[in-house]
C-alpha cells in the first residue's frame, strides 16, 4: 500500500477525498516532526517508528571497484 492507496481507503470512510488527503498528510507530518525532534512514535497495533544511527563504513564504488568512505547518518 502506498500513500495514494491509503488516501483512497480513508476517503471511503470520511466520504471526501480532499479531507482524506489532508488527514493522511497531517498524520505523516506529525510522525515526521516527532522523529526530527528525536522522539519515537508508537501506534499500538500498527508499529513503532524511531530514528537510528548508522555508523560510518567503507564501501566500494560499483563502477570502478575502488574503496570509498560512507559517512555516518541517521536512518
N, C-alpha and C. Protein backbone atom coordinates (compact mmCIF):
# COMPACT_ATOMS: atom_id res chain seq x y z
N UNK A 1 0.86 -1.18 0.00
CA UNK A 1 0.00 0.00 0.00
C UNK A 1 0.90 1.23 0.00
N UNK A 2 0.60 2.18 -0.87
CA UNK A 2 1.34 3.43 -0.89
C UNK A 2 0.44 4.55 -0.37
N UNK A 3 0.96 5.77 -0.39
CA UNK A 3 0.22 6.90 0.15
C UNK A 3 -1.11 7.11 -0.57
N UNK A 4 -1.12 6.94 -1.90
CA UNK A 4 -2.35 7.09 -2.67
C UNK A 4 -3.41 6.07 -2.29
N UNK A 5 -2.97 4.83 -2.06
CA UNK A 5 -3.90 3.78 -1.64
C UNK A 5 -4.47 4.09 -0.26
N UNK A 6 -3.62 4.62 0.62
CA UNK A 6 -4.07 4.97 1.97
C UNK A 6 -5.10 6.10 1.91
N UNK A 7 -4.85 7.09 1.08
CA UNK A 7 -5.80 8.19 0.91
C UNK A 7 -7.13 7.65 0.39
N UNK A 8 -7.09 6.73 -0.56
CA UNK A 8 -8.30 6.12 -1.11
C UNK A 8 -9.09 5.40 -0.02
N UNK A 9 -8.39 4.63 0.82
CA UNK A 9 -9.06 3.88 1.89
C UNK A 9 -9.69 4.83 2.91
N UNK A 10 -8.98 5.90 3.26
CA UNK A 10 -9.52 6.86 4.22
C UNK A 10 -10.69 7.61 3.61
N UNK A 11 -10.63 7.91 2.32
CA UNK A 11 -11.73 8.65 1.67
C UNK A 11 -13.03 7.84 1.66
N UNK A 12 -12.91 6.52 1.64
CA UNK A 12 -14.11 5.68 1.70
C UNK A 12 -14.80 5.80 3.06
N UNK A 13 -14.02 6.07 4.10
CA UNK A 13 -14.57 6.20 5.45
C UNK A 13 -15.11 7.61 5.69
N UNK A 14 -14.33 8.63 5.32
CA UNK A 14 -14.75 10.01 5.60
C UNK A 14 -15.65 10.59 4.52
N UNK A 15 -15.65 10.01 3.33
CA UNK A 15 -16.57 10.43 2.29
C UNK A 15 -16.04 11.48 1.32
N UNK A 16 -14.93 12.12 1.64
CA UNK A 16 -14.38 13.15 0.76
C UNK A 16 -12.89 12.92 0.56
N UNK A 17 -12.46 12.92 -0.69
CA UNK A 17 -11.06 12.64 -1.00
C UNK A 17 -10.15 13.76 -0.49
N UNK A 18 -10.57 15.01 -0.63
CA UNK A 18 -9.76 16.15 -0.19
C UNK A 18 -9.52 16.07 1.32
N UNK A 19 -10.54 15.75 2.07
CA UNK A 19 -10.41 15.61 3.52
C UNK A 19 -9.49 14.45 3.87
N UNK A 20 -9.59 13.36 3.12
CA UNK A 20 -8.73 12.21 3.34
C UNK A 20 -7.27 12.55 3.06
N UNK A 21 -7.01 13.31 1.99
CA UNK A 21 -5.64 13.72 1.66
C UNK A 21 -5.05 14.58 2.77
N UNK A 22 -5.85 15.52 3.28
CA UNK A 22 -5.39 16.40 4.35
C UNK A 22 -5.13 15.62 5.63
N UNK A 23 -5.98 14.66 5.92
CA UNK A 23 -5.83 13.85 7.12
C UNK A 23 -4.57 13.01 7.06
N UNK A 24 -4.35 12.32 5.96
CA UNK A 24 -3.16 11.48 5.81
C UNK A 24 -1.90 12.35 5.86
N UNK A 25 -1.92 13.49 5.20
CA UNK A 25 -0.76 14.39 5.21
C UNK A 25 -0.47 14.87 6.63
N UNK A 26 -1.50 15.20 7.38
CA UNK A 26 -1.33 15.66 8.76
C UNK A 26 -0.71 14.58 9.63
N UNK A 27 -1.18 13.36 9.51
CA UNK A 27 -0.64 12.25 10.30
C UNK A 27 0.83 12.03 9.95
N UNK A 28 1.15 11.99 8.67
CA UNK A 28 2.53 11.76 8.26
C UNK A 28 3.45 12.90 8.68
N UNK A 29 2.98 14.15 8.60
CA UNK A 29 3.77 15.29 9.04
C UNK A 29 4.00 15.24 10.55
N UNK A 30 3.00 14.81 11.30
CA UNK A 30 3.14 14.71 12.75
C UNK A 30 4.19 13.65 13.12
N UNK A 31 4.15 12.52 12.44
CA UNK A 31 5.13 11.46 12.69
C UNK A 31 6.53 11.96 12.32
N UNK A 32 6.66 12.59 11.17
CA UNK A 32 7.95 13.10 10.70
C UNK A 32 8.49 14.15 11.66
N UNK A 33 7.63 15.05 12.12
CA UNK A 33 8.05 16.09 13.05
C UNK A 33 8.57 15.53 14.36
N UNK A 34 7.89 14.52 14.88
CA UNK A 34 8.33 13.89 16.12
C UNK A 34 9.68 13.20 15.94
N UNK A 35 9.87 12.54 14.81
CA UNK A 35 11.13 11.86 14.53
C UNK A 35 12.27 12.87 14.39
N UNK A 36 12.01 14.01 13.78
CA UNK A 36 13.04 15.04 13.63
C UNK A 36 13.47 15.59 14.99
N UNK A 37 12.55 15.59 15.97
CA UNK A 37 12.87 16.04 17.32
C UNK A 37 13.61 14.98 18.12
N UNK A 38 13.75 13.79 17.55
CA UNK A 38 14.44 12.71 18.23
C UNK A 38 13.52 11.83 19.07
N UNK A 39 12.23 12.04 18.97
CA UNK A 39 11.25 11.25 19.72
C UNK A 39 10.92 9.98 18.94
N UNK A 40 10.41 8.98 19.65
CA UNK A 40 9.91 7.80 18.96
C UNK A 40 8.38 7.89 18.91
N UNK A 41 7.79 7.26 17.92
CA UNK A 41 6.34 7.27 17.74
C UNK A 41 5.85 5.84 17.79
N UNK A 42 4.92 5.56 18.71
CA UNK A 42 4.36 4.23 18.85
C UNK A 42 2.86 4.29 18.57
N UNK A 43 2.41 3.53 17.59
CA UNK A 43 1.00 3.41 17.27
C UNK A 43 0.60 1.97 17.58
N UNK A 44 -0.09 1.78 18.68
CA UNK A 44 -0.46 0.44 19.14
C UNK A 44 -1.22 -0.28 18.03
N UNK A 45 -0.79 -1.49 17.74
CA UNK A 45 -1.43 -2.29 16.71
C UNK A 45 -0.94 -1.98 15.30
N UNK A 46 -0.04 -1.01 15.18
CA UNK A 46 0.47 -0.65 13.85
C UNK A 46 1.98 -0.76 13.78
N UNK A 47 2.67 -0.05 14.67
CA UNK A 47 4.13 -0.11 14.64
C UNK A 47 4.77 0.99 15.45
N UNK A 48 6.08 0.92 15.54
CA UNK A 48 6.88 1.91 16.25
C UNK A 48 7.89 2.49 15.28
N UNK A 49 8.01 3.79 15.29
CA UNK A 49 8.96 4.50 14.44
C UNK A 49 9.98 5.17 15.34
N UNK A 50 11.26 5.03 15.01
CA UNK A 50 12.30 5.72 15.76
C UNK A 50 13.50 5.93 14.85
N UNK A 51 14.29 6.93 15.19
CA UNK A 51 15.48 7.25 14.41
C UNK A 51 16.65 6.45 14.97
N UNK A 52 17.36 5.79 14.08
CA UNK A 52 18.55 5.04 14.47
C UNK A 52 19.78 5.68 13.84
N UNK A 53 20.94 5.26 14.30
CA UNK A 53 22.19 5.79 13.76
C UNK A 53 22.90 4.69 12.99
N UNK A 54 23.39 5.04 11.84
CA UNK A 54 24.18 4.11 11.03
C UNK A 54 25.62 4.61 11.06
N UNK A 55 26.52 3.76 11.51
CA UNK A 55 27.93 4.14 11.64
C UNK A 55 28.58 4.33 10.28
N UNK A 56 29.66 5.09 10.27
CA UNK A 56 30.44 5.26 9.05
C UNK A 56 31.04 3.91 8.66
N UNK A 57 31.21 3.70 7.38
CA UNK A 57 31.76 2.44 6.91
C UNK A 57 32.52 2.65 5.61
N UNK A 58 33.14 1.60 5.15
CA UNK A 58 33.85 1.64 3.88
C UNK A 58 33.10 0.76 2.88
N UNK A 59 32.83 1.31 1.71
CA UNK A 59 32.15 0.57 0.66
C UNK A 59 32.98 0.58 -0.60
N UNK A 60 32.41 0.12 -1.66
CA UNK A 60 33.11 0.10 -2.94
C UNK A 60 32.27 0.79 -4.00
N UNK A 61 32.93 1.55 -4.84
CA UNK A 61 32.27 2.17 -5.97
C UNK A 61 31.92 1.05 -6.95
N UNK A 62 30.64 0.86 -7.29
CA UNK A 62 30.27 -0.25 -8.16
C UNK A 62 30.83 -0.14 -9.59
N UNK A 63 31.15 1.06 -10.03
CA UNK A 63 31.66 1.22 -11.40
C UNK A 63 33.16 0.96 -11.48
N UNK A 64 33.89 1.43 -10.46
CA UNK A 64 35.35 1.29 -10.52
C UNK A 64 35.89 0.22 -9.59
N UNK A 65 35.13 -0.16 -8.58
CA UNK A 65 35.59 -1.15 -7.61
C UNK A 65 36.51 -0.57 -6.56
N UNK A 66 36.77 0.74 -6.60
CA UNK A 66 37.66 1.36 -5.63
C UNK A 66 36.94 1.59 -4.31
N UNK A 67 37.65 1.45 -3.19
CA UNK A 67 37.05 1.69 -1.88
C UNK A 67 36.68 3.16 -1.71
N UNK A 68 35.62 3.40 -0.97
CA UNK A 68 35.18 4.76 -0.68
C UNK A 68 34.59 4.79 0.71
N UNK A 69 34.67 5.96 1.36
CA UNK A 69 34.13 6.12 2.70
C UNK A 69 32.66 6.50 2.62
N UNK A 70 31.86 5.85 3.45
CA UNK A 70 30.43 6.17 3.55
C UNK A 70 30.24 6.85 4.89
N UNK A 71 29.69 8.05 4.89
CA UNK A 71 29.53 8.84 6.10
C UNK A 71 28.48 8.23 7.03
N UNK A 72 28.63 8.51 8.32
CA UNK A 72 27.60 8.11 9.30
C UNK A 72 26.36 8.94 9.05
N UNK A 73 25.19 8.35 9.34
CA UNK A 73 23.94 9.09 9.14
C UNK A 73 22.84 8.53 10.02
N UNK A 74 21.78 9.29 10.11
CA UNK A 74 20.60 8.85 10.85
C UNK A 74 19.61 8.22 9.88
N UNK A 75 19.01 7.11 10.29
CA UNK A 75 18.03 6.42 9.44
C UNK A 75 16.75 6.17 10.21
